[in-house]
C-alpha atoms as a PDB file:
ATOM      1  CA  MET A   1    -235.941 119.193  38.357  1.00  0.00           C
ATOM      2  CA  PRO A   2    -233.849 118.390  41.705  1.00  0.00           C
ATOM      3  CA  LEU A   3    -235.737 115.147  42.171  1.00  0.00           C
ATOM      4  CA  PRO A   4    -234.422 113.355  39.107  1.00  0.00           C
ATOM      5  CA  ILE A   5    -231.165 114.755  39.790  1.00  0.00           C
ATOM      6  CA  LEU A   6    -231.333 113.169  43.148  1.00  0.00           C
ATOM      7  CA  PHE A   7    -232.553 109.796  41.884  1.00  0.00           C
ATOM      8  CA  ILE A   8    -229.872 109.607  39.492  1.00  0.00           C
ATOM      9  CA  GLY A   9    -227.216 110.532  42.488  1.00  0.00           C
ATOM     10  CA  ILE A  10    -228.565 107.500  44.353  1.00  0.00           C
ATOM     11  CA  ALA A  11    -228.528 105.333  41.400  1.00  0.00           C
ATOM     12  CA  ALA A  12    -225.106 106.155  40.543  1.00  0.00           C
ATOM     13  CA  ALA A  13    -223.977 105.586  43.877  1.00  0.00           C
ATOM     14  CA  THR A  14    -225.663 102.556  44.117  1.00  0.00           C
ATOM     15  CA  GLY A  15    -223.955 101.198  40.886  1.00  0.00           C
ATOM     16  CA  ALA A  16    -220.753 102.231  42.176  1.00  0.00           C
ATOM     17  CA  VAL A  17    -221.009 100.207  45.219  1.00  0.00           C
ATOM     18  CA  GLY A  18    -222.340  97.331  43.197  1.00  0.00           C
ATOM     19  CA  ILE A  19    -219.176  97.295  41.030  1.00  0.00           C
ATOM     20  CA  GLY A  20    -216.910  97.996  43.849  1.00  0.00           C
ATOM     21  CA  THR A  21    -218.306  94.719  45.397  1.00  0.00           C
ATOM     22  CA  GLY A  22    -218.205  92.834  42.315  1.00  0.00           C
ATOM     23  CA  VAL A  23    -214.489  93.915  42.069  1.00  0.00           C
ATOM     24  CA  LYS A  24    -213.596  92.854  45.634  1.00  0.00           C
ATOM     25  CA  ALA A  25    -215.354  89.274  45.047  1.00  0.00           C
ATOM     26  CA  GLY A  26    -213.237  88.841  42.278  1.00  0.00           C
ATOM     27  CA  ILE A  27    -209.967  90.053  44.096  1.00  0.00           C
ATOM     28  CA  ASP A  28    -210.781  87.616  47.083  1.00  0.00           C
ATOM     29  CA  ASN A  29    -211.612  84.773  44.703  1.00  0.00           C
ATOM     30  CA  ALA A  30    -208.453  85.067  43.177  1.00  0.00           C
ATOM     31  CA  ASN A  31    -206.714  85.394  45.994  1.00  0.00           C
ATOM     32  CA  ALA A  32    -208.396  82.422  47.715  1.00  0.00           C
ATOM     33  CA  ARG A  33    -207.401  80.413  44.620  1.00  0.00           C
ATOM     34  CA  GLN A  34    -203.681  81.438  45.161  1.00  0.00           C
ATOM     35  CA  ILE A  35    -204.013  80.753  48.595  1.00  0.00           C
ATOM     36  CA  ASN A  36    -205.281  77.155  47.760  1.00  0.00           C
ATOM     37  CA  ASN A  37    -202.876  76.656  45.131  1.00  0.00           C
ATOM     38  CA  ASP A  38    -200.082  77.395  47.730  1.00  0.00           C
ATOM     39  CA  ALA A  39    -201.399  75.329  50.082  1.00  0.00           C
ATOM     40  CA  ASN A  40    -202.074  72.258  47.588  1.00  0.00           C
ATOM     41  CA  SER A  41    -198.354  72.930  46.662  1.00  0.00           C
ATOM     42  CA  LEU A  42    -197.028  72.982  50.232  1.00  0.00           C
ATOM     43  CA  VAL A  43    -198.437  69.511  50.547  1.00  0.00           C
ATOM     44  CA  GLN A  44    -197.703  68.017  47.401  1.00  0.00           C
ATOM     45  CA  ASN A  45    -193.936  68.827  47.919  1.00  0.00           C
ATOM     46  CA  ALA A  46    -194.076  67.318  51.495  1.00  0.00           C
ATOM     47  CA  ALA A  47    -195.766  64.398  50.219  1.00  0.00           C
ATOM     48  CA  GLU A  48    -193.210  63.975  47.320  1.00  0.00           C
ATOM     49  CA  THR A  49    -190.220  64.339  49.813  1.00  0.00           C
ATOM     50  CA  ILE A  50    -191.621  61.377  52.225  1.00  0.00           C
ATOM     51  CA  ASP A  51    -192.259  59.469  49.199  1.00  0.00           C
ATOM     52  CA  LEU A  52    -188.529  59.658  48.177  1.00  0.00           C
ATOM     53  CA  GLN A  53    -187.480  58.864  51.807  1.00  0.00           C
ATOM     54  CA  ARG A  54    -189.932  55.889  52.007  1.00  0.00           C
ATOM     55  CA  THR A  55    -188.473  54.375  48.671  1.00  0.00           C
ATOM     56  CA  ALA A  56    -184.986  55.099  49.773  1.00  0.00           C
ATOM     57  CA  CYS A  57    -185.825  53.559  53.300  1.00  0.00           C
ATOM     58  CA  GLY A  58    -187.613  50.403  51.645  1.00  0.00           C
ATOM     59  CA  LYS A  59    -184.856  49.500  49.576  1.00  0.00           C
ATOM     60  CA  ALA A  60    -182.495  50.164  52.543  1.00  0.00           C
ATOM     61  CA  LEU A  61    -184.371  47.646  54.746  1.00  0.00           C
ATOM     62  CA  GLU A  62    -184.533  45.066  51.682  1.00  0.00           C
ATOM     63  CA  SER A  63    -180.773  45.091  51.392  1.00  0.00           C
ATOM     64  CA  LEU A  64    -180.359  44.495  55.125  1.00  0.00           C
ATOM     65  CA  GLY A  65    -182.772  41.779  54.898  1.00  0.00           C
ATOM     66  CA  GLN A  66    -180.854  40.247  51.943  1.00  0.00           C
ATOM     67  CA  ILE A  67    -177.436  40.509  53.789  1.00  0.00           C
ATOM     68  CA  LYS A  68    -179.053  38.635  57.167  1.00  0.00           C
ATOM     69  CA  LEU A  69    -180.061  35.731  54.838  1.00  0.00           C
ATOM     70  CA  SER A  70    -176.788  35.904  52.961  1.00  0.00           C
ATOM     71  CA  VAL A  71    -174.756  35.641  56.481  1.00  0.00           C
ATOM     72  CA  LEU A  72    -176.793  32.952  57.767  1.00  0.00           C
ATOM     73  CA  ASN A  73    -177.119  30.864  54.437  1.00  0.00           C
ATOM     74  CA  SER A  74    -173.467  30.679  53.876  1.00  0.00           C
ATOM     75  CA  ASP A  75    -171.012  31.422  56.586  1.00  0.00           C
ATOM     76  CA  MET A  76    -173.105  30.777  59.758  1.00  0.00           C
ATOM     77  CA  GLN A  77    -174.253  27.323  57.879  1.00  0.00           C
ATOM     78  CA  ALA A  78    -170.528  27.033  57.652  1.00  0.00           C
ATOM     79  CA  PHE A  79    -169.574  27.605  61.205  1.00  0.00           C
ATOM     80  CA  LEU A  80    -172.436  25.476  62.423  1.00  0.00           C
ATOM     81  CA  ASP A  81    -171.142  22.752  60.343  1.00  0.00           C
ATOM     82  CA  SER A  82    -167.277  22.642  61.558  1.00  0.00           C
ATOM     83  CA  PHE A  83    -167.966  23.491  64.978  1.00  0.00           C
ATOM     84  CA  SER A  84    -170.367  20.788  65.712  1.00  0.00           C
ATOM     85  CA  ARG A  85    -167.692  18.500  64.815  1.00  0.00           C
ATOM     86  CA  ILE A  86    -165.478  19.482  67.381  1.00  0.00           C
ATOM     87  CA  LYS A  87    -165.621  17.845  70.760  1.00  0.00           C
ATOM     88  CA  ASN A  88    -164.891  18.616  74.426  1.00  0.00           C
ATOM     89  CA  VAL A  89    -165.312  22.272  73.906  1.00  0.00           C
ATOM     90  CA  ASP A  90    -165.356  24.241  77.099  1.00  0.00           C
ATOM     91  CA  PHE A  91    -164.030  28.018  76.898  1.00  0.00           C
ATOM     92  CA  ARG A  92    -164.548  28.236  80.648  1.00  0.00           C
ATOM     93  CA  ASP A  93    -161.808  25.635  81.529  1.00  0.00           C
ATOM     94  CA  ASN A  94    -158.863  27.754  79.531  1.00  0.00           C
ATOM     95  CA  VAL A  95    -157.949  30.031  82.264  1.00  0.00           C
ATOM     96  CA  GLU A  96    -154.822  30.597  80.719  1.00  0.00           C
ATOM     97  CA  ILE A  97    -156.390  32.682  78.027  1.00  0.00           C
ATOM     98  CA  ASP A  98    -157.813  35.579  79.955  1.00  0.00           C
ATOM     99  CA  ASP A  99    -160.292  36.987  77.364  1.00  0.00           C
ATOM    100  CA  LEU A 100    -161.865  33.370  77.516  1.00  0.00           C
ATOM    101  CA  LYS A 101    -162.565  33.118  80.780  1.00  0.00           C
ATOM    102  CA  HIS A 102    -166.109  34.881  80.895  1.00  0.00           C
ATOM    103  CA  PHE A 103    -167.036  33.493  77.397  1.00  0.00           C
ATOM    104  CA  HIS A 104    -169.616  30.732  77.129  1.00  0.00           C
ATOM    105  CA  ILE A 105    -171.847  29.523  74.408  1.00  0.00           C
ATOM    106  CA  ASP A 106    -174.452  26.794  75.267  1.00  0.00           C
ATOM    107  CA  LYS A 107    -176.735  24.447  73.428  1.00  0.00           C
ATOM    108  CA  LYS A 108    -179.774  26.656  73.478  1.00  0.00           C
ATOM    109  CA  GLU A 109    -177.443  29.358  71.692  1.00  0.00           C
ATOM    110  CA  PHE A 110    -176.622  26.713  69.179  1.00  0.00           C
ATOM    111  CA  ASP A 111    -180.048  25.377  68.735  1.00  0.00           C
ATOM    112  CA  GLU A 112    -181.336  29.033  68.135  1.00  0.00           C
ATOM    113  CA  MET A 113    -178.615  29.323  65.355  1.00  0.00           C
ATOM    114  CA  ARG A 114    -179.490  26.408  63.651  1.00  0.00           C
ATOM    115  CA  GLU A 115    -183.249  27.378  63.531  1.00  0.00           C
ATOM    116  CA  LEU A 116    -182.235  30.885  62.376  1.00  0.00           C
ATOM    117  CA  VAL A 117    -180.059  29.348  59.452  1.00  0.00           C
ATOM    118  CA  SER A 118    -183.247  26.614  58.709  1.00  0.00           C
ATOM    119  CA  PHE A 119    -185.404  29.891  58.467  1.00  0.00           C
ATOM    120  CA  ALA A 120    -183.070  31.540  56.287  1.00  0.00           C
ATOM    121  CA  GLY A 121    -182.659  28.757  53.948  1.00  0.00           C
ATOM    122  CA  ALA A 122    -186.411  28.277  53.746  1.00  0.00           C
ATOM    123  CA  VAL A 123    -187.364  32.041  53.304  1.00  0.00           C
ATOM    124  CA  THR A 124    -184.796  31.980  50.477  1.00  0.00           C
ATOM    125  CA  GLY A 125    -186.575  29.305  48.609  1.00  0.00           C
ATOM    126  CA  GLY A 126    -189.971  30.794  49.160  1.00  0.00           C
ATOM    127  CA  ILE A 127    -188.262  34.326  47.749  1.00  0.00           C
ATOM    128  CA  ALA A 128    -187.173  32.234  44.814  1.00  0.00           C
ATOM    129  CA  ALA A 129    -190.644  30.377  44.458  1.00  0.00           C
ATOM    130  CA  GLY A 130    -192.296  33.877  44.671  1.00  0.00           C
ATOM    131  CA  SER A 131    -194.340  32.793  47.747  1.00  0.00           C
ATOM    132  CA  ALA A 132    -192.446  35.146  50.218  1.00  0.00           C
ATOM    133  CA  GLY A 133    -193.180  38.632  49.169  1.00  0.00           C
ATOM    134  CA  GLY A 134    -192.232  41.399  51.524  1.00  0.00           C
ATOM    135  CA  ALA A 135    -190.013  38.881  53.568  1.00  0.00           C
ATOM    136  CA  LEU A 136    -186.859  40.991  53.122  1.00  0.00           C
ATOM    137  CA  THR A 137    -188.339  44.121  54.059  1.00  0.00           C
ATOM    138  CA  ALA A 138    -189.761  42.434  57.283  1.00  0.00           C
ATOM    139  CA  LEU A 139    -186.708  40.838  58.099  1.00  0.00           C
ATOM    140  CA  GLY A 140    -184.424  43.932  57.693  1.00  0.00           C
ATOM    141  CA  ALA A 141    -187.095  45.678  60.096  1.00  0.00           C
ATOM    142  CA  TYR A 142    -187.408  43.254  62.738  1.00  0.00           C
ATOM    143  CA  GLY A 143    -185.260  40.721  64.501  1.00  0.00           C
ATOM    144  CA  ALA A 144    -184.758  37.304  62.680  1.00  0.00           C
ATOM    145  CA  VAL A 145    -185.795  35.406  65.701  1.00  0.00           C
ATOM    146  CA  GLN A 146    -188.705  37.679  66.215  1.00  0.00           C
ATOM    147  CA  THR A 147    -189.966  36.469  62.692  1.00  0.00           C
ATOM    148  CA  ILE A 148    -190.002  32.454  63.535  1.00  0.00           C
ATOM    149  CA  ALA A 149    -193.310  31.408  64.388  1.00  0.00           C
ATOM    150  CA  ALA A 150    -193.455  28.556  66.829  1.00  0.00           C
ATOM    151  CA  ALA A 151    -195.244  25.844  64.824  1.00  0.00           C
ATOM    152  CA  SER A 152    -192.978  25.536  61.581  1.00  0.00           C
ATOM    153  CA  THR A 153    -190.888  27.020  59.170  1.00  0.00           C
ATOM    154  CA  GLY A 154    -193.620  26.963  56.717  1.00  0.00           C
ATOM    155  CA  THR A 155    -195.772  28.890  59.327  1.00  0.00           C
ATOM    156  CA  ALA A 156    -192.828  31.373  59.869  1.00  0.00           C
ATOM    157  CA  ILE A 157    -192.800  32.448  56.294  1.00  0.00           C
ATOM    158  CA  ALA A 158    -196.390  32.748  55.911  1.00  0.00           C
ATOM    159  CA  SER A 159    -196.326  34.672  59.225  1.00  0.00           C
ATOM    160  CA  LEU A 160    -193.396  37.087  57.616  1.00  0.00           C
ATOM    161  CA  SER A 161    -195.080  37.400  54.338  1.00  0.00           C
ATOM    162  CA  GLY A 162    -198.170  38.255  56.099  1.00  0.00           C
ATOM    163  CA  ALA A 163    -196.618  40.867  58.519  1.00  0.00           C
ATOM    164  CA  ALA A 164    -195.639  42.721  55.403  1.00  0.00           C
ATOM    165  CA  ALA A 165    -199.181  42.960  53.959  1.00  0.00           C
ATOM    166  CA  THR A 166    -200.870  43.719  56.769  1.00  0.00           C
ATOM    167  CA  ASN A 167    -198.354  45.673  59.318  1.00  0.00           C
ATOM    168  CA  ALA A 168    -198.618  49.438  58.574  1.00  0.00           C
ATOM    169  CA  THR A 169    -195.136  50.162  58.760  1.00  0.00           C
ATOM    170  CA  LEU A 170    -193.971  47.507  56.368  1.00  0.00           C
ATOM    171  CA  ALA A 171    -196.834  48.585  53.936  1.00  0.00           C
ATOM    172  CA  PHE A 172    -196.007  51.930  53.993  1.00  0.00           C
ATOM    173  CA  PHE A 173    -192.132  50.748  53.129  1.00  0.00           C
ATOM    174  CA  GLY A 174    -193.311  48.384  50.674  1.00  0.00           C
ATOM    175  CA  GLY A 175    -195.897  50.105  48.979  1.00  0.00           C
ATOM    176  CA  GLY A 176    -196.646  52.607  46.010  1.00  0.00           C
ATOM    177  CA  ALA A 177    -196.522  56.199  45.937  1.00  0.00           C
ATOM    178  CA  ILE A 178    -198.382  58.506  48.203  1.00  0.00           C
ATOM    179  CA  ALA A 179    -200.038  60.493  45.242  1.00  0.00           C
ATOM    180  CA  ALA A 180    -201.606  57.340  44.123  1.00  0.00           C
ATOM    181  CA  GLY A 181    -202.457  56.425  47.664  1.00  0.00           C
ATOM    182  CA  GLY A 182    -200.307  53.182  47.765  1.00  0.00           C
ATOM    183  CA  GLY A 183    -198.566  51.732  50.774  1.00  0.00           C
ATOM    184  CA  GLY A 184    -199.535  52.704  54.164  1.00  0.00           C
ATOM    185  CA  MET A 185    -201.275  55.516  52.613  1.00  0.00           C
ATOM    186  CA  ALA A 186    -204.173  53.159  51.039  1.00  0.00           C
ATOM    187  CA  LEU A 187    -204.768  52.498  54.594  1.00  0.00           C
ATOM    188  CA  GLY A 188    -205.229  56.072  55.467  1.00  0.00           C
ATOM    189  CA  SER A 189    -202.190  56.496  57.630  1.00  0.00           C
ATOM    190  CA  VAL A 190    -198.327  56.943  58.192  1.00  0.00           C
ATOM    191  CA  VAL A 191    -197.727  54.926  61.266  1.00  0.00           C
ATOM    192  CA  LEU A 192    -194.174  56.666  61.739  1.00  0.00           C
ATOM    193  CA  GLY A 193    -193.560  58.216  65.287  1.00  0.00           C
ATOM    194  CA  GLY A 194    -197.719  58.247  65.808  1.00  0.00           C
ATOM    195  CA  LEU A 195    -198.056  60.570  62.840  1.00  0.00           C
ATOM    196  CA  VAL A 196    -201.513  60.247  60.943  1.00  0.00           C
ATOM    197  CA  ALA A 197    -201.473  62.195  57.733  1.00  0.00           C
ATOM    198  CA  GLY A 198    -203.085  59.942  55.071  1.00  0.00           C
ATOM    199  CA  PRO A 199    -207.174  61.112  55.420  1.00  0.00           C
ATOM    200  CA  ALA A 200    -205.650  64.850  55.989  1.00  0.00           C
ATOM    201  CA  LEU A 201    -204.270  64.748  52.525  1.00  0.00           C
ATOM    202  CA  MET A 202    -207.377  64.144  50.821  1.00  0.00           C
ATOM    203  CA  VAL A 203    -209.382  66.028  53.057  1.00  0.00           C
ATOM    204  CA  VAL A 204    -207.396  69.353  51.909  1.00  0.00           C
ATOM    205  CA  GLY A 205    -207.693  68.390  48.449  1.00  0.00           C
ATOM    206  CA  LEU A 206    -211.530  68.586  48.400  1.00  0.00           C
ATOM    207  CA  ALA A 207    -211.775  71.770  50.453  1.00  0.00           C
ATOM    208  CA  ALA A 208    -209.057  73.502  48.323  1.00  0.00           C
ATOM    209  CA  GLY A 209    -211.250  72.778  45.264  1.00  0.00           C
ATOM    210  CA  LYS A 210    -214.163  74.282  47.113  1.00  0.00           C
ATOM    211  CA  ALA A 211    -212.525  77.269  48.746  1.00  0.00           C
ATOM    212  CA  ALA A 212    -212.512  79.495  45.834  1.00  0.00           C
ATOM    213  CA  GLU A 213    -216.425  79.291  45.775  1.00  0.00           C
ATOM    214  CA  LYS A 214    -217.051  80.085  49.240  1.00  0.00           C
ATOM    215  CA  ASN A 215    -214.682  82.776  50.469  1.00  0.00           C
ATOM    216  CA  LEU A 216    -211.278  84.016  51.514  1.00  0.00           C
ATOM    217  CA  ASP A 217    -211.630  82.716  55.170  1.00  0.00           C
ATOM    218  CA  GLN A 218    -212.019  79.458  54.020  1.00  0.00           C
ATOM    219  CA  ALA A 219    -208.829  79.477  51.881  1.00  0.00           C
ATOM    220  CA  TYR A 220    -206.878  80.804  54.983  1.00  0.00           C
ATOM    221  CA  THR A 221    -208.264  77.762  56.929  1.00  0.00           C
ATOM    222  CA  ASN A 222    -207.099  75.493  54.177  1.00  0.00           C
ATOM    223  CA  LYS A 223    -203.598  77.283  54.381  1.00  0.00           C
ATOM    224  CA  PHE A 224    -203.198  76.625  58.010  1.00  0.00           C
ATOM    225  CA  GLU A 225    -204.297  72.900  57.547  1.00  0.00           C
ATOM    226  CA  ALA A 226    -201.758  72.445  54.850  1.00  0.00           C
ATOM    227  CA  ILE A 227    -199.072  73.807  57.137  1.00  0.00           C
ATOM    228  CA  ARG A 228    -200.092  71.440  59.690  1.00  0.00           C
ATOM    229  CA  ILE A 229    -199.867  68.551  57.300  1.00  0.00           C
ATOM    230  CA  SER A 230    -196.873  69.592  55.970  1.00  0.00           C
ATOM    231  CA  GLU A 231    -195.134  69.527  58.912  1.00  0.00           C
ATOM    232  CA  GLU A 232    -196.453  66.143  59.977  1.00  0.00           C
ATOM    233  CA  LEU A 233    -195.032  64.805  56.768  1.00  0.00           C
ATOM    234  CA  SER A 234    -191.741  66.375  57.353  1.00  0.00           C
ATOM    235  CA  ALA A 235    -191.472  65.005  60.835  1.00  0.00           C
ATOM    236  CA  ALA A 236    -192.008  61.475  59.084  1.00  0.00           C
ATOM    237  CA  SER A 237    -189.582  62.416  56.626  1.00  0.00           C
ATOM    238  CA  LEU A 238    -186.804  62.642  59.035  1.00  0.00           C
ATOM    239  CA  GLN A 239    -187.977  59.551  60.723  1.00  0.00           C
ATOM    240  CA  CYS A 240    -187.809  57.862  57.513  1.00  0.00           C
ATOM    241  CA  GLU A 241    -184.221  59.203  57.098  1.00  0.00           C
ATOM    242  CA  ALA A 242    -183.274  58.284  60.726  1.00  0.00           C
ATOM    243  CA  ILE A 243    -184.326  54.497  60.286  1.00  0.00           C
ATOM    244  CA  ARG A 244    -182.503  54.262  56.646  1.00  0.00           C
ATOM    245  CA  ARG A 245    -179.024  55.767  58.435  1.00  0.00           C
ATOM    246  CA  ARG A 246    -179.622  53.134  61.242  1.00  0.00           C
ATOM    247  CA  THR A 247    -180.609  50.362  58.662  1.00  0.00           C
ATOM    248  CA  TYR A 248    -177.416  51.056  56.633  1.00  0.00           C
ATOM    249  CA  MET A 249    -175.117  50.833  59.937  1.00  0.00           C
ATOM    250  CA  PHE A 250    -176.798  47.519  60.617  1.00  0.00           C
ATOM    251  CA  TYR A 251    -175.906  46.666  57.155  1.00  0.00           C
ATOM    252  CA  ASP A 252    -172.260  47.795  57.747  1.00  0.00           C
ATOM    253  CA  LEU A 253    -171.945  45.857  61.054  1.00  0.00           C
ATOM    254  CA  LEU A 254    -173.032  42.505  59.425  1.00  0.00           C
ATOM    255  CA  ALA A 255    -170.625  43.022  56.365  1.00  0.00           C
ATOM    256  CA  ARG A 256    -167.685  43.973  58.795  1.00  0.00           C
ATOM    257  CA  LEU A 257    -168.638  40.943  61.067  1.00  0.00           C
ATOM    258  CA  ASP A 258    -168.471  38.463  58.126  1.00  0.00           C
ATOM    259  CA  SER A 259    -165.434  39.755  56.973  1.00  0.00           C
ATOM    260  CA  TYR A 260    -163.542  38.737  60.053  1.00  0.00           C
ATOM    261  CA  PHE A 261    -166.007  35.518  60.469  1.00  0.00           C
ATOM    262  CA  LEU A 262    -164.998  34.112  57.452  1.00  0.00           C
ATOM    263  CA  PRO A 263    -161.356  33.655  57.658  1.00  0.00           C
ATOM    264  CA  LEU A 264    -161.742  32.294  61.551  1.00  0.00           C
ATOM    265  CA  ILE A 265    -164.314  29.431  59.903  1.00  0.00           C
ATOM    266  CA  TRP A 266    -161.364  28.649  57.351  1.00  0.00           C
ATOM    267  CA  LYS A 267    -158.682  28.544  59.916  1.00  0.00           C
ATOM    268  CA  MET A 268    -161.062  26.470  62.327  1.00  0.00           C
ATOM    269  CA  GLU A 269    -161.548  23.740  59.262  1.00  0.00           C
ATOM    270  CA  GLU A 270    -158.194  23.716  59.036  1.00  0.00           C
ATOM    271  CA  THR A 271    -157.475  23.255  62.574  1.00  0.00           C
ATOM    272  CA  ILE A 272    -159.978  20.159  62.489  1.00  0.00           C
ATOM    273  CA  GLY A 273    -158.169  19.061  59.541  1.00  0.00           C
ATOM    274  CA  THR A 274    -154.580  18.875  60.882  1.00  0.00           C
ATOM    275  CA  LEU A 275    -155.080  18.477  64.563  1.00  0.00           C
ATOM    276  CA  GLY A 276    -158.492  16.162  64.875  1.00  0.00           C
ATOM    277  CA  ASP A 277    -161.489  17.047  66.425  1.00  0.00           C
ATOM    278  CA  ASP A 278    -160.754  16.927  70.348  1.00  0.00           C
ATOM    279  CA  TYR A 279    -160.623  20.806  71.303  1.00  0.00           C
ATOM    280  CA  SER A 280    -158.796  19.809  74.825  1.00  0.00           C
ATOM    281  CA  THR A 281    -155.632  18.775  72.837  1.00  0.00           C
ATOM    282  CA  TYR A 282    -155.348  21.899  70.795  1.00  0.00           C
ATOM    283  CA  PRO A 283    -152.670  24.442  71.663  1.00  0.00           C
ATOM    284  CA  THR A 284    -153.382  28.032  73.137  1.00  0.00           C
ATOM    285  CA  ASP A 285    -153.384  29.803  69.520  1.00  0.00           C
ATOM    286  CA  ALA A 286    -155.980  27.281  67.963  1.00  0.00           C
ATOM    287  CA  LYS A 287    -158.301  27.369  71.048  1.00  0.00           C
ATOM    288  CA  LYS A 288    -158.195  31.215  70.924  1.00  0.00           C
ATOM    289  CA  ALA A 289    -158.688  30.938  67.136  1.00  0.00           C
ATOM    290  CA  ILE A 290    -162.073  28.510  67.778  1.00  0.00           C
ATOM    291  CA  ALA A 291    -163.208  30.939  70.789  1.00  0.00           C
ATOM    292  CA  SER A 292    -162.907  33.829  68.684  1.00  0.00           C
ATOM    293  CA  CYS A 293    -164.848  32.503  65.756  1.00  0.00           C
ATOM    294  CA  ALA A 294    -167.576  31.225  68.164  1.00  0.00           C
ATOM    295  CA  SER A 295    -167.719  34.949  70.164  1.00  0.00           C
ATOM    296  CA  ILE A 296    -168.238  36.333  66.504  1.00  0.00           C
ATOM    297  CA  ALA A 297    -171.087  34.103  65.621  1.00  0.00           C
ATOM    298  CA  VAL A 298    -172.628  35.014  68.919  1.00  0.00           C
ATOM    299  CA  THR A 299    -172.277  38.884  68.119  1.00  0.00           C
ATOM    300  CA  ILE A 300    -173.587  38.341  64.695  1.00  0.00           C
ATOM    301  CA  LYS A 301    -176.754  36.329  66.379  1.00  0.00           C
ATOM    302  CA  SER A 302    -177.223  39.339  68.385  1.00  0.00           C
ATOM    303  CA  VAL A 303    -177.233  41.723  65.389  1.00  0.00           C
ATOM    304  CA  LEU A 304    -179.601  39.482  63.419  1.00  0.00           C
ATOM    305  CA  ASP A 305    -181.885  39.209  66.483  1.00  0.00           C
ATOM    306  CA  THR A 306    -182.247  42.742  67.227  1.00  0.00           C
ATOM    307  CA  PRO A 307    -185.252  44.421  65.742  1.00  0.00           C
ATOM    308  CA  LEU A 308    -184.688  48.024  64.409  1.00  0.00           C
ATOM    309  CA  LEU A 309    -188.246  49.246  64.465  1.00  0.00           C
ATOM    310  CA  THR A 310    -191.094  48.736  67.102  1.00  0.00           C
ATOM    311  CA  GLU A 311    -194.519  47.953  65.474  1.00  0.00           C
ATOM    312  CA  ASP A 312    -195.562  51.627  65.232  1.00  0.00           C
ATOM    313  CA  GLY A 313    -192.371  52.253  63.117  1.00  0.00           C
ATOM    314  CA  LEU A 314    -190.308  54.136  65.658  1.00  0.00           C
ATOM    315  CA  LEU A 315    -186.184  53.032  66.348  1.00  0.00           C
ATOM    316  CA  THR A 316    -185.882  50.799  69.051  1.00  0.00           C
ATOM    317  CA  ASP A 317    -183.480  51.754  72.019  1.00  0.00           C
ATOM    318  CA  GLY A 318    -182.391  48.099  71.624  1.00  0.00           C
ATOM    319  CA  SER A 319    -180.768  48.537  68.250  1.00  0.00           C
ATOM    320  CA  ALA A 320    -178.765  51.693  69.524  1.00  0.00           C
ATOM    321  CA  ALA A 321    -177.362  49.694  72.107  1.00  0.00           C
ATOM    322  CA  VAL A 322    -176.343  46.903  69.993  1.00  0.00           C
ATOM    323  CA  LEU A 323    -174.967  49.078  67.467  1.00  0.00           C
ATOM    324  CA  SER A 324    -172.901  50.654  70.148  1.00  0.00           C
ATOM    325  CA  ALA A 325    -171.765  47.445  71.617  1.00  0.00           C
ATOM    326  CA  THR A 326    -170.982  45.959  68.438  1.00  0.00           C
ATOM    327  CA  GLN A 327    -169.168  48.813  66.854  1.00  0.00           C
ATOM    328  CA  GLU A 328    -166.655  48.558  70.053  1.00  0.00           C
ATOM    329  CA  LYS A 329    -165.967  45.010  69.604  1.00  0.00           C
ATOM    330  CA  LEU A 330    -165.085  45.445  65.985  1.00  0.00           C
ATOM    331  CA  LEU A 331    -162.791  48.390  66.992  1.00  0.00           C
ATOM    332  CA  ALA A 332    -160.989  45.566  69.515  1.00  0.00           C
ATOM    333  CA  LEU A 333    -160.491  42.970  66.793  1.00  0.00           C
ATOM    334  CA  LYS A 334    -158.611  45.690  64.658  1.00  0.00           C
END
């Protein structure tokens, strides 16, 4: 009789272990599912945040591109038309006006301004005709002179539109939602400060789906990977925010410069109408007004020429320097 009782005891113990193992497996699977869900939520929230930043930054760059075109097509064109009518202009000879002694604007500067104006007119026409997609974003992100191809204006527009289509940074700012795989994500990368997050998003999504079928350790691995990706996306979001802030600053610079520029253009046109076109015969106040107008034109050109971003999507040091110098000049104009 003791033997059957022993077998029964062994069988019961074995059954208890089996039940315990099954319960633990269920708990582990449930924990794995929860960890994976949390990991996916972490990445999804970070992806949604950077998508919002991307959209806002793209719109800011478009707005900057638009004001660049507007200034070139209107006031810069009016300045060149009027200033080119004045003869015998040489600011260096005006030793009686201290702030003109070191100011000089040469033919090369004017040739570049004319090229910019011509380019802007062609881009505007291309946008109206629907053949310059991405031009405003590219013009906002990069310097105006930098976007002009050597061959012709037509080539320049093609290059500008092409840049928006092939440059990963511009594609990122002009493309679709991250969740849909749009923009730069379609290429598998976010080019912002060297961060590469695109492929990882897909990998985590696939791994998380299988993790519950494997074990708890895999779920923890997914969690650590999700944290890494989330941190990368958060860093990219901060970079987007920094780009957007500087873009707004450049927009504000151009708007404020233009508010000083236009009245001086009117003053110059009035001077030509009343005093003729010989600069050497103008009184001191008229000479100073003409020089001030030309000086602002050169400053505007400097702002237009300055790229905000490198090819890798980093803010340029040059844009920070131009921003500071131009803000100082605006303070002096008040």
